[in-house]
Amino acid sequence: MVEVPATEFVKNFGQYKERAQREAIAVTSHGRTSGYFVSEHEYLEYMLLKTRARHAYHVSELPEETISALAKAEMDPSHDHLNALLD
């Protein structure tokens, strides 16, 4: 990945726009990365991964439909033998 100061990125935007089609560009400001410039393909892939990511909730934040589904859930009878392990 290429790392480039913001001032150089602005001055040579066209060059980095083309380069971003091949690899991500880290844009820095005062020695720290402030963002990344990526191709549309990379961005869409990122967004797809983001939508597929699991979401963890604190119990108090659970959506009502999830609480309802959990309340109605039943164990498959083929796992009844596991209940004996709890006794």
PDB file of N, CA and C in Angstrom:
ATOM      1  N   MET A   1       0.847  -1.175   0.000  1.00  0.00           N
ATOM      2  CA  MET A   1       0.000   0.000   0.000  1.00  0.00           C
ATOM      3  C   MET A   1       0.893   1.238   0.000  1.00  0.00           C
ATOM      4  N   VAL A   2       0.503   2.185  -0.788  1.00  0.00           N
ATOM      5  CA  VAL A   2       1.233   3.445  -0.893  1.00  0.00           C
ATOM      6  C   VAL A   2       0.743   4.389   0.199  1.00  0.00           C
ATOM      7  N   GLU A   3       1.662   5.104   0.827  1.00  0.00           N
ATOM      8  CA  GLU A   3       1.321   6.113   1.824  1.00  0.00           C
ATOM      9  C   GLU A   3       1.781   7.463   1.281  1.00  0.00           C
ATOM     10  N   VAL A   4       0.880   8.432   1.242  1.00  0.00           N
ATOM     11  CA  VAL A   4       1.203   9.713   0.633  1.00  0.00           C
ATOM     12  C   VAL A   4       0.645  10.862   1.477  1.00  0.00           C
ATOM     13  N   PRO A   5       1.418  11.931   1.660  1.00  0.00           N
ATOM     14  CA  PRO A   5       0.899  13.097   2.393  1.00  0.00           C
ATOM     15  C   PRO A   5      -0.271  13.725   1.642  1.00  0.00           C
ATOM     16  N   ALA A   6      -1.191  14.302   2.373  1.00  0.00           N
ATOM     17  CA  ALA A   6      -2.396  14.889   1.790  1.00  0.00           C
ATOM     18  C   ALA A   6      -2.066  15.964   0.755  1.00  0.00           C
ATOM     19  N   THR A   7      -1.048  16.778   1.011  1.00  0.00           N
ATOM     20  CA  THR A   7      -0.712  17.842   0.066  1.00  0.00           C
ATOM     21  C   THR A   7      -0.262  17.264  -1.267  1.00  0.00           C
ATOM     22  N   GLU A   8       0.528  16.200  -1.232  1.00  0.00           N
ATOM     23  CA  GLU A   8       0.968  15.559  -2.480  1.00  0.00           C
ATOM     24  C   GLU A   8      -0.211  14.879  -3.170  1.00  0.00           C
ATOM     25  N   PHE A   9      -1.096  14.278  -2.378  1.00  0.00           N
ATOM     26  CA  PHE A   9      -2.275  13.607  -2.934  1.00  0.00           C
ATOM     27  C   PHE A   9      -3.129  14.603  -3.710  1.00  0.00           C
ATOM     28  N   VAL A  10      -3.324  15.789  -3.139  1.00  0.00           N
ATOM     29  CA  VAL A  10      -4.139  16.817  -3.795  1.00  0.00           C
ATOM     30  C   VAL A  10      -3.469  17.292  -5.084  1.00  0.00           C
ATOM     31  N   LYS A  11      -2.168  17.535  -5.024  1.00  0.00           N
ATOM     32  CA  LYS A  11      -1.440  18.032  -6.197  1.00  0.00           C
ATOM     33  C   LYS A  11      -1.427  17.024  -7.339  1.00  0.00           C
ATOM     34  N   ASN A  12      -1.394  15.745  -7.011  1.00  0.00           N
ATOM     35  CA  ASN A  12      -1.274  14.691  -8.034  1.00  0.00           C
ATOM     36  C   ASN A  12      -2.467  13.746  -8.008  1.00  0.00           C
ATOM     37  N   PHE A  13      -3.659  14.313  -7.811  1.00  0.00           N
ATOM     38  CA  PHE A  13      -4.859  13.491  -7.682  1.00  0.00           C
ATOM     39  C   PHE A  13      -5.053  12.535  -8.855  1.00  0.00           C
ATOM     40  N   GLY A  14      -4.866  13.002 -10.060  1.00  0.00           N
ATOM     41  CA  GLY A  14      -5.064  12.161 -11.248  1.00  0.00           C
ATOM     42  C   GLY A  14      -4.181  10.926 -11.219  1.00  0.00           C
ATOM     43  N   GLN A  15      -2.939  11.104 -10.843  1.00  0.00           N
ATOM     44  CA  GLN A  15      -1.997   9.983 -10.762  1.00  0.00           C
ATOM     45  C   GLN A  15      -2.470   8.963  -9.717  1.00  0.00           C
ATOM     46  N   TYR A  16      -2.879   9.462  -8.545  1.00  0.00           N
ATOM     47  CA  TYR A  16      -3.304   8.555  -7.474  1.00  0.00           C
ATOM     48  C   TYR A  16      -4.665   7.931  -7.760  1.00  0.00           C
ATOM     49  N   LYS A  17      -5.499   8.641  -8.521  1.00  0.00           N
ATOM     50  CA  LYS A  17      -6.793   8.069  -8.915  1.00  0.00           C
ATOM     51  C   LYS A  17      -6.567   6.821  -9.755  1.00  0.00           C
ATOM     52  N   GLU A  18      -5.618   6.880 -10.662  1.00  0.00           N
ATOM     53  CA  GLU A  18      -5.291   5.718 -11.489  1.00  0.00           C
ATOM     54  C   GLU A  18      -4.624   4.619 -10.664  1.00  0.00           C
ATOM     55  N   ARG A  19      -3.739   5.011  -9.775  1.00  0.00           N
ATOM     56  CA  ARG A  19      -3.017   4.030  -8.960  1.00  0.00           C
ATOM     57  C   ARG A  19      -3.953   3.299  -8.001  1.00  0.00           C
ATOM     58  N   ALA A  20      -5.006   3.977  -7.561  1.00  0.00           N
ATOM     59  CA  ALA A  20      -5.965   3.362  -6.643  1.00  0.00           C
ATOM     60  C   ALA A  20      -6.709   2.198  -7.290  1.00  0.00           C
ATOM     61  N   GLN A  21      -6.685   2.122  -8.620  1.00  0.00           N
ATOM     62  CA  GLN A  21      -7.311   0.989  -9.307  1.00  0.00           C
ATOM     63  C   GLN A  21      -6.514  -0.291  -9.073  1.00  0.00           C
ATOM     64  N   ARG A  22      -5.243  -0.152  -8.695  1.00  0.00           N
ATOM     65  CA  ARG A  22      -4.375  -1.309  -8.475  1.00  0.00           C
ATOM     66  C   ARG A  22      -4.118  -1.591  -7.003  1.00  0.00           C
ATOM     67  N   GLU A  23      -4.096  -0.535  -6.182  1.00  0.00           N
ATOM     68  CA  GLU A  23      -3.816  -0.703  -4.757  1.00  0.00           C
ATOM     69  C   GLU A  23      -4.384   0.478  -3.979  1.00  0.00           C
ATOM     70  N   ALA A  24      -4.613   0.244  -2.693  1.00  0.00           N
ATOM     71  CA  ALA A  24      -5.141   1.305  -1.830  1.00  0.00           C
ATOM     72  C   ALA A  24      -4.076   2.367  -1.587  1.00  0.00           C
ATOM     73  N   ILE A  25      -4.524   3.596  -1.429  1.00  0.00           N
ATOM     74  CA  ILE A  25      -3.637   4.721  -1.154  1.00  0.00           C
ATOM     75  C   ILE A  25      -3.981   5.236   0.256  1.00  0.00           C
ATOM     76  N   ALA A  26      -2.995   5.212   1.161  1.00  0.00           N
ATOM     77  CA  ALA A  26      -3.191   5.775   2.502  1.00  0.00           C
ATOM     78  C   ALA A  26      -2.809   7.247   2.439  1.00  0.00           C
ATOM     79  N   VAL A  27      -3.738   8.109   2.782  1.00  0.00           N
ATOM     80  CA  VAL A  27      -3.493   9.552   2.757  1.00  0.00           C
ATOM     81  C   VAL A  27      -3.190   9.994   4.192  1.00  0.00           C
ATOM     82  N   THR A  28      -2.022  10.641   4.349  1.00  0.00           N
ATOM     83  CA  THR A  28      -1.593  11.034   5.694  1.00  0.00           C
ATOM     84  C   THR A  28      -1.638  12.549   5.877  1.00  0.00           C
ATOM     85  N   SER A  29      -1.748  12.936   7.128  1.00  0.00           N
ATOM     86  CA  SER A  29      -1.718  14.349   7.502  1.00  0.00           C
ATOM     87  C   SER A  29      -0.938  14.445   8.804  1.00  0.00           C
ATOM     88  N   HIS A  30       0.125  15.201   8.778  1.00  0.00           N
ATOM     89  CA  HIS A  30       0.993  15.355   9.953  1.00  0.00           C
ATOM     90  C   HIS A  30       1.495  14.002  10.460  1.00  0.00           C
ATOM     91  N   GLY A  31       1.823  13.108   9.521  1.00  0.00           N
ATOM     92  CA  GLY A  31       2.403  11.817   9.882  1.00  0.00           C
ATOM     93  C   GLY A  31       1.424  10.741  10.305  1.00  0.00           C
ATOM     94  N   ARG A  32       0.129  11.048  10.309  1.00  0.00           N
ATOM     95  CA  ARG A  32      -0.878  10.054  10.696  1.00  0.00           C
ATOM     96  C   ARG A  32      -1.834   9.822   9.541  1.00  0.00           C
ATOM     97  N   THR A  33      -2.238   8.576   9.358  1.00  0.00           N
ATOM     98  CA  THR A  33      -3.181   8.256   8.288  1.00  0.00           C
ATOM     99  C   THR A  33      -4.536   8.873   8.606  1.00  0.00           C
ATOM    100  N   SER A  34      -5.050   9.643   7.651  1.00  0.00           N
ATOM    101  CA  SER A  34      -6.351  10.278   7.855  1.00  0.00           C
ATOM    102  C   SER A  34      -7.440   9.620   7.023  1.00  0.00           C
ATOM    103  N   GLY A  35      -7.060   8.787   6.065  1.00  0.00           N
ATOM    104  CA  GLY A  35      -8.047   8.095   5.251  1.00  0.00           C
ATOM    105  C   GLY A  35      -7.380   7.267   4.176  1.00  0.00           C
ATOM    106  N   TYR A  36      -8.214   6.568   3.430  1.00  0.00           N
ATOM    107  CA  TYR A  36      -7.731   5.697   2.359  1.00  0.00           C
ATOM    108  C   TYR A  36      -8.489   5.999   1.080  1.00  0.00           C
ATOM    109  N   PHE A  37      -7.800   5.954  -0.006  1.00  0.00           N
ATOM    110  CA  PHE A  37      -8.407   6.139  -1.325  1.00  0.00           C
ATOM    111  C   PHE A  37      -8.334   4.794  -2.022  1.00  0.00           C
ATOM    112  N   VAL A  38      -9.503   4.240  -2.364  1.00  0.00           N
ATOM    113  CA  VAL A  38      -9.566   2.913  -2.966  1.00  0.00           C
ATOM    114  C   VAL A  38     -10.437   2.945  -4.211  1.00  0.00           C
ATOM    115  N   SER A  39     -10.316   1.908  -5.014  1.00  0.00           N
ATOM    116  CA  SER A  39     -11.133   1.811  -6.223  1.00  0.00           C
ATOM    117  C   SER A  39     -12.590   1.526  -5.858  1.00  0.00           C
ATOM    118  N   GLU A  40     -13.464   1.734  -6.813  1.00  0.00           N
ATOM    119  CA  GLU A  40     -14.880   1.446  -6.592  1.00  0.00           C
ATOM    120  C   GLU A  40     -15.069  -0.026  -6.261  1.00  0.00           C
ATOM    121  N   HIS A  41     -14.354  -0.885  -6.970  1.00  0.00           N
ATOM    122  CA  HIS A  41     -14.447  -2.333  -6.732  1.00  0.00           C
ATOM    123  C   HIS A  41     -14.091  -2.668  -5.279  1.00  0.00           C
ATOM    124  N   GLU A  42     -12.991  -2.113  -4.775  1.00  0.00           N
ATOM    125  CA  GLU A  42     -12.558  -2.360  -3.393  1.00  0.00           C
ATOM    126  C   GLU A  42     -13.610  -1.849  -2.411  1.00  0.00           C
ATOM    127  N   TYR A  43     -14.157  -0.682  -2.688  1.00  0.00           N
ATOM    128  CA  TYR A  43     -15.157  -0.099  -1.798  1.00  0.00           C
ATOM    129  C   TYR A  43     -16.420  -0.959  -1.757  1.00  0.00           C
ATOM    130  N   LEU A  44     -16.893  -1.404  -2.916  1.00  0.00           N
ATOM    131  CA  LEU A  44     -18.095  -2.235  -2.960  1.00  0.00           C
ATOM    132  C   LEU A  44     -17.867  -3.567  -2.256  1.00  0.00           C
ATOM    133  N   GLU A  45     -16.681  -4.117  -2.405  1.00  0.00           N
ATOM    134  CA  GLU A  45     -16.341  -5.361  -1.705  1.00  0.00           C
ATOM    135  C   GLU A  45     -16.356  -5.140  -0.193  1.00  0.00           C
ATOM    136  N   TYR A  46     -15.800  -4.024   0.247  1.00  0.00           N
ATOM    137  CA  TYR A  46     -15.813  -3.670   1.665  1.00  0.00           C
ATOM    138  C   TYR A  46     -17.245  -3.546   2.187  1.00  0.00           C
ATOM    139  N   MET A  47     -18.096  -2.862   1.432  1.00  0.00           N
ATOM    140  CA  MET A  47     -19.483  -2.677   1.862  1.00  0.00           C
ATOM    141  C   MET A  47     -20.219  -4.013   1.949  1.00  0.00           C
ATOM    142  N   LEU A  48     -19.946  -4.919   1.017  1.00  0.00           N
ATOM    143  CA  LEU A  48     -20.562  -6.244   1.055  1.00  0.00           C
ATOM    144  C   LEU A  48     -20.121  -6.993   2.311  1.00  0.00           C
ATOM    145  N   LEU A  49     -18.842  -6.962   2.615  1.00  0.00           N
ATOM    146  CA  LEU A  49     -18.342  -7.614   3.828  1.00  0.00           C
ATOM    147  C   LEU A  49     -18.954  -6.994   5.076  1.00  0.00           C
ATOM    148  N   LYS A  50     -19.116  -5.699   5.056  1.00  0.00           N
ATOM    149  CA  LYS A  50     -19.687  -4.993   6.205  1.00  0.00           C
ATOM    150  C   LYS A  50     -21.136  -5.415   6.445  1.00  0.00           C
ATOM    151  N   THR A  51     -21.905  -5.616   5.382  1.00  0.00           N
ATOM    152  CA  THR A  51     -23.302  -6.025   5.547  1.00  0.00           C
ATOM    153  C   THR A  51     -23.412  -7.468   6.032  1.00  0.00           C
ATOM    154  N   ARG A  52     -22.400  -8.276   5.737  1.00  0.00           N
ATOM    155  CA  ARG A  52     -22.419  -9.683   6.162  1.00  0.00           C
ATOM    156  C   ARG A  52     -21.859  -9.887   7.565  1.00  0.00           C
ATOM    157  N   ALA A  53     -21.298  -8.849   8.138  1.00  0.00           N
ATOM    158  CA  ALA A  53     -20.689  -8.972   9.458  1.00  0.00           C
ATOM    159  C   ALA A  53     -21.762  -9.249  10.510  1.00  0.00           C
ATOM    160  N   ARG A  54     -21.392 -10.028  11.483  1.00  0.00           N
ATOM    161  CA  ARG A  54     -22.309 -10.302  12.587  1.00  0.00           C
ATOM    162  C   ARG A  54     -22.454  -9.048  13.435  1.00  0.00           C
ATOM    163  N   HIS A  55     -23.611  -8.939  14.033  1.00  0.00           N
ATOM    164  CA  HIS A  55     -23.843  -7.800  14.906  1.00  0.00           C
ATOM    165  C   HIS A  55     -24.157  -8.330  16.296  1.00  0.00           C
ATOM    166  N   ALA A  56     -23.418  -7.900  17.277  1.00  0.00           N
ATOM    167  CA  ALA A  56     -23.642  -8.318  18.659  1.00  0.00           C
ATOM    168  C   ALA A  56     -24.445  -7.239  19.377  1.00  0.00           C
ATOM    169  N   TYR A  57     -25.400  -7.682  20.157  1.00  0.00           N
ATOM    170  CA  TYR A  57     -26.240  -6.764  20.915  1.00  0.00           C
ATOM    171  C   TYR A  57     -26.038  -6.994  22.412  1.00  0.00           C
ATOM    172  N   HIS A  58     -26.142  -5.954  23.187  1.00  0.00           N
ATOM    173  CA  HIS A  58     -26.300  -6.099  24.630  1.00  0.00           C
ATOM    174  C   HIS A  58     -27.745  -6.534  24.815  1.00  0.00           C
ATOM    175  N   VAL A  59     -28.014  -7.312  25.828  1.00  0.00           N
ATOM    176  CA  VAL A  59     -29.365  -7.835  26.037  1.00  0.00           C
ATOM    177  C   VAL A  59     -30.406  -6.722  26.019  1.00  0.00           C
ATOM    178  N   SER A  60     -30.091  -5.582  26.581  1.00  0.00           N
ATOM    179  CA  SER A  60     -31.052  -4.475  26.628  1.00  0.00           C
ATOM    180  C   SER A  60     -31.292  -3.846  25.252  1.00  0.00           C
ATOM    181  N   GLU A  61     -30.432  -4.163  24.288  1.00  0.00           N
ATOM    182  CA  GLU A  61     -30.563  -3.579  22.942  1.00  0.00           C
ATOM    183  C   GLU A  61     -31.192  -4.519  21.924  1.00  0.00           C
ATOM    184  N   LEU A  62     -31.544  -5.736  22.352  1.00  0.00           N
ATOM    185  CA  LEU A  62     -32.096  -6.703  21.400  1.00  0.00           C
ATOM    186  C   LEU A  62     -33.383  -6.187  20.768  1.00  0.00           C
ATOM    187  N   PRO A  63     -33.491  -6.336  19.451  1.00  0.00           N
ATOM    188  CA  PRO A  63     -34.747  -5.950  18.787  1.00  0.00           C
ATOM    189  C   PRO A  63     -35.901  -6.831  19.278  1.00  0.00           C
ATOM    190  N   GLU A  64     -37.085  -6.297  19.322  1.00  0.00           N
ATOM    191  CA  GLU A  64     -38.258  -7.020  19.818  1.00  0.00           C
ATOM    192  C   GLU A  64     -38.500  -8.314  19.052  1.00  0.00           C
ATOM    193  N   GLU A  65     -38.291  -8.304  17.736  1.00  0.00           N
ATOM    194  CA  GLU A  65     -38.520  -9.530  16.953  1.00  0.00           C
ATOM    195  C   GLU A  65     -37.525 -10.625  17.326  1.00  0.00           C
ATOM    196  N   THR A  66     -36.319 -10.248  17.733  1.00  0.00           N
ATOM    197  CA  THR A  66     -35.329 -11.236  18.160  1.00  0.00           C
ATOM    198  C   THR A  66     -35.727 -11.833  19.503  1.00  0.00           C
ATOM    199  N   ILE A  67     -36.194 -11.003  20.415  1.00  0.00           N
ATOM    200  CA  ILE A  67     -36.653 -11.477  21.722  1.00  0.00           C
ATOM    201  C   ILE A  67     -37.817 -12.443  21.538  1.00  0.00           C
ATOM    202  N   SER A  68     -38.745 -12.088  20.674  1.00  0.00           N
ATOM    203  CA  SER A  68     -39.902 -12.944  20.402  1.00  0.00           C
ATOM    204  C   SER A  68     -39.477 -14.276  19.803  1.00  0.00           C
ATOM    205  N   ALA A  69     -38.538 -14.224  18.854  1.00  0.00           N
ATOM    206  CA  ALA A  69     -38.055 -15.454  18.220  1.00  0.00           C
ATOM    207  C   ALA A  69     -37.341 -16.352  19.228  1.00  0.00           C
ATOM    208  N   LEU A  70     -36.569 -15.757  20.130  1.00  0.00           N
ATOM    209  CA  LEU A  70     -35.879 -16.549  21.149  1.00  0.00           C
ATOM    210  C   LEU A  70     -36.871 -17.194  22.118  1.00  0.00           C
ATOM    211  N   ALA A  71     -37.937 -16.463  22.466  1.00  0.00           N
ATOM    212  CA  ALA A  71     -38.937 -16.989  23.377  1.00  0.00           C
ATOM    213  C   ALA A  71     -39.685 -18.179  22.779  1.00  0.00           C
ATOM    214  N   LYS A  72     -39.858 -18.182  21.468  1.00  0.00           N
ATOM    215  CA  LYS A  72     -40.589 -19.254  20.785  1.00  0.00           C
ATOM    216  C   LYS A  72     -39.693 -20.425  20.373  1.00  0.00           C
ATOM    217  N   ALA A  73     -38.395 -20.246  20.461  1.00  0.00           N
ATOM    218  CA  ALA A  73     -37.459 -21.270  19.983  1.00  0.00           C
ATOM    219  C   ALA A  73     -37.553 -22.537  20.814  1.00  0.00           C
ATOM    220  N   GLU A  74     -37.442 -23.681  20.145  1.00  0.00           N
ATOM    221  CA  GLU A  74     -37.452 -24.976  20.819  1.00  0.00           C
ATOM    222  C   GLU A  74     -36.259 -25.786  20.341  1.00  0.00           C
ATOM    223  N   MET A  75     -35.723 -26.594  21.251  1.00  0.00           N
ATOM    224  CA  MET A  75     -34.597 -27.454  20.925  1.00  0.00           C
ATOM    225  C   MET A  75     -35.085 -28.608  20.062  1.00  0.00           C
ATOM    226  N   ASP A  76     -34.293 -28.992  19.107  1.00  0.00           N
ATOM    227  CA  ASP A  76     -34.592 -30.153  18.276  1.00  0.00           C
ATOM    228  C   ASP A  76     -34.591 -31.388  19.179  1.00  0.00           C
ATOM    229  N   PRO A  77     -35.627 -32.233  19.097  1.00  0.00           N
ATOM    230  CA  PRO A  77     -35.715 -33.414  19.975  1.00  0.00           C
ATOM    231  C   PRO A  77     -34.500 -34.350  19.877  1.00  0.00           C
ATOM    232  N   SER A  78     -33.776 -34.302  18.793  1.00  0.00           N
ATOM    233  CA  SER A  78     -32.602 -35.181  18.664  1.00  0.00           C
ATOM    234  C   SER A  78     -31.491 -34.796  19.639  1.00  0.00           C
ATOM    235  N   HIS A  79     -31.639 -33.649  20.295  1.00  0.00           N
ATOM    236  CA  HIS A  79     -30.633 -33.199  21.261  1.00  0.00           C
ATOM    237  C   HIS A  79     -31.093 -33.372  22.703  1.00  0.00           C
ATOM    238  N   ASP A  80     -32.195 -34.073  22.917  1.00  0.00           N
ATOM    239  CA  ASP A  80     -32.721 -34.260  24.273  1.00  0.00           C
ATOM    240  C   ASP A  80     -31.708 -34.913  25.206  1.00  0.00           C
ATOM    241  N   HIS A  81     -30.854 -35.763  24.686  1.00  0.00           N
ATOM    242  CA  HIS A  81     -29.849 -36.438  25.520  1.00  0.00           C
ATOM    243  C   HIS A  81     -28.900 -35.441  26.190  1.00  0.00           C
ATOM    244  N   LEU A  82     -28.771 -34.256  25.632  1.00  0.00           N
ATOM    245  CA  LEU A  82     -27.910 -33.238  26.233  1.00  0.00           C
ATOM    246  C   LEU A  82     -28.489 -32.699  27.541  1.00  0.00           C
ATOM    247  N   ASN A  83     -29.813 -32.719  27.679  1.00  0.00           N
ATOM    248  CA  ASN A  83     -30.441 -32.262  28.913  1.00  0.00           C
ATOM    249  C   ASN A  83     -29.995 -33.109  30.093  1.00  0.00           C
ATOM    250  N   ALA A  84     -29.741 -34.396  29.863  1.00  0.00           N
ATOM    251  CA  ALA A  84     -29.292 -35.289  30.930  1.00  0.00           C
ATOM    252  C   ALA A  84     -27.939 -34.855  31.475  1.00  0.00           C
ATOM    253  N   LEU A  85     -27.123 -34.229  30.649  1.00  0.00           N
ATOM    254  CA  LEU A  85     -25.818 -33.759  31.098  1.00  0.00           C
ATOM    255  C   LEU A  85     -25.930 -32.610  32.098  1.00  0.00           C
ATOM    256  N   LEU A  86     -27.042 -31.907  32.072  1.00  0.00           N
ATOM    257  CA  LEU A  86     -27.251 -30.769  32.970  1.00  0.00           C
ATOM    258  C   LEU A  86     -27.728 -31.192  34.355  1.00  0.00           C
ATOM    259  N   ASP A  87     -28.220 -32.413  34.465  1.00  0.00           N
ATOM    260  CA  ASP A  87     -28.734 -32.905  35.759  1.00  0.00           C
ATOM    261  C   ASP A  87     -27.656 -33.310  36.709  1.00  0.00           C
TER     262      ASP A  87
END
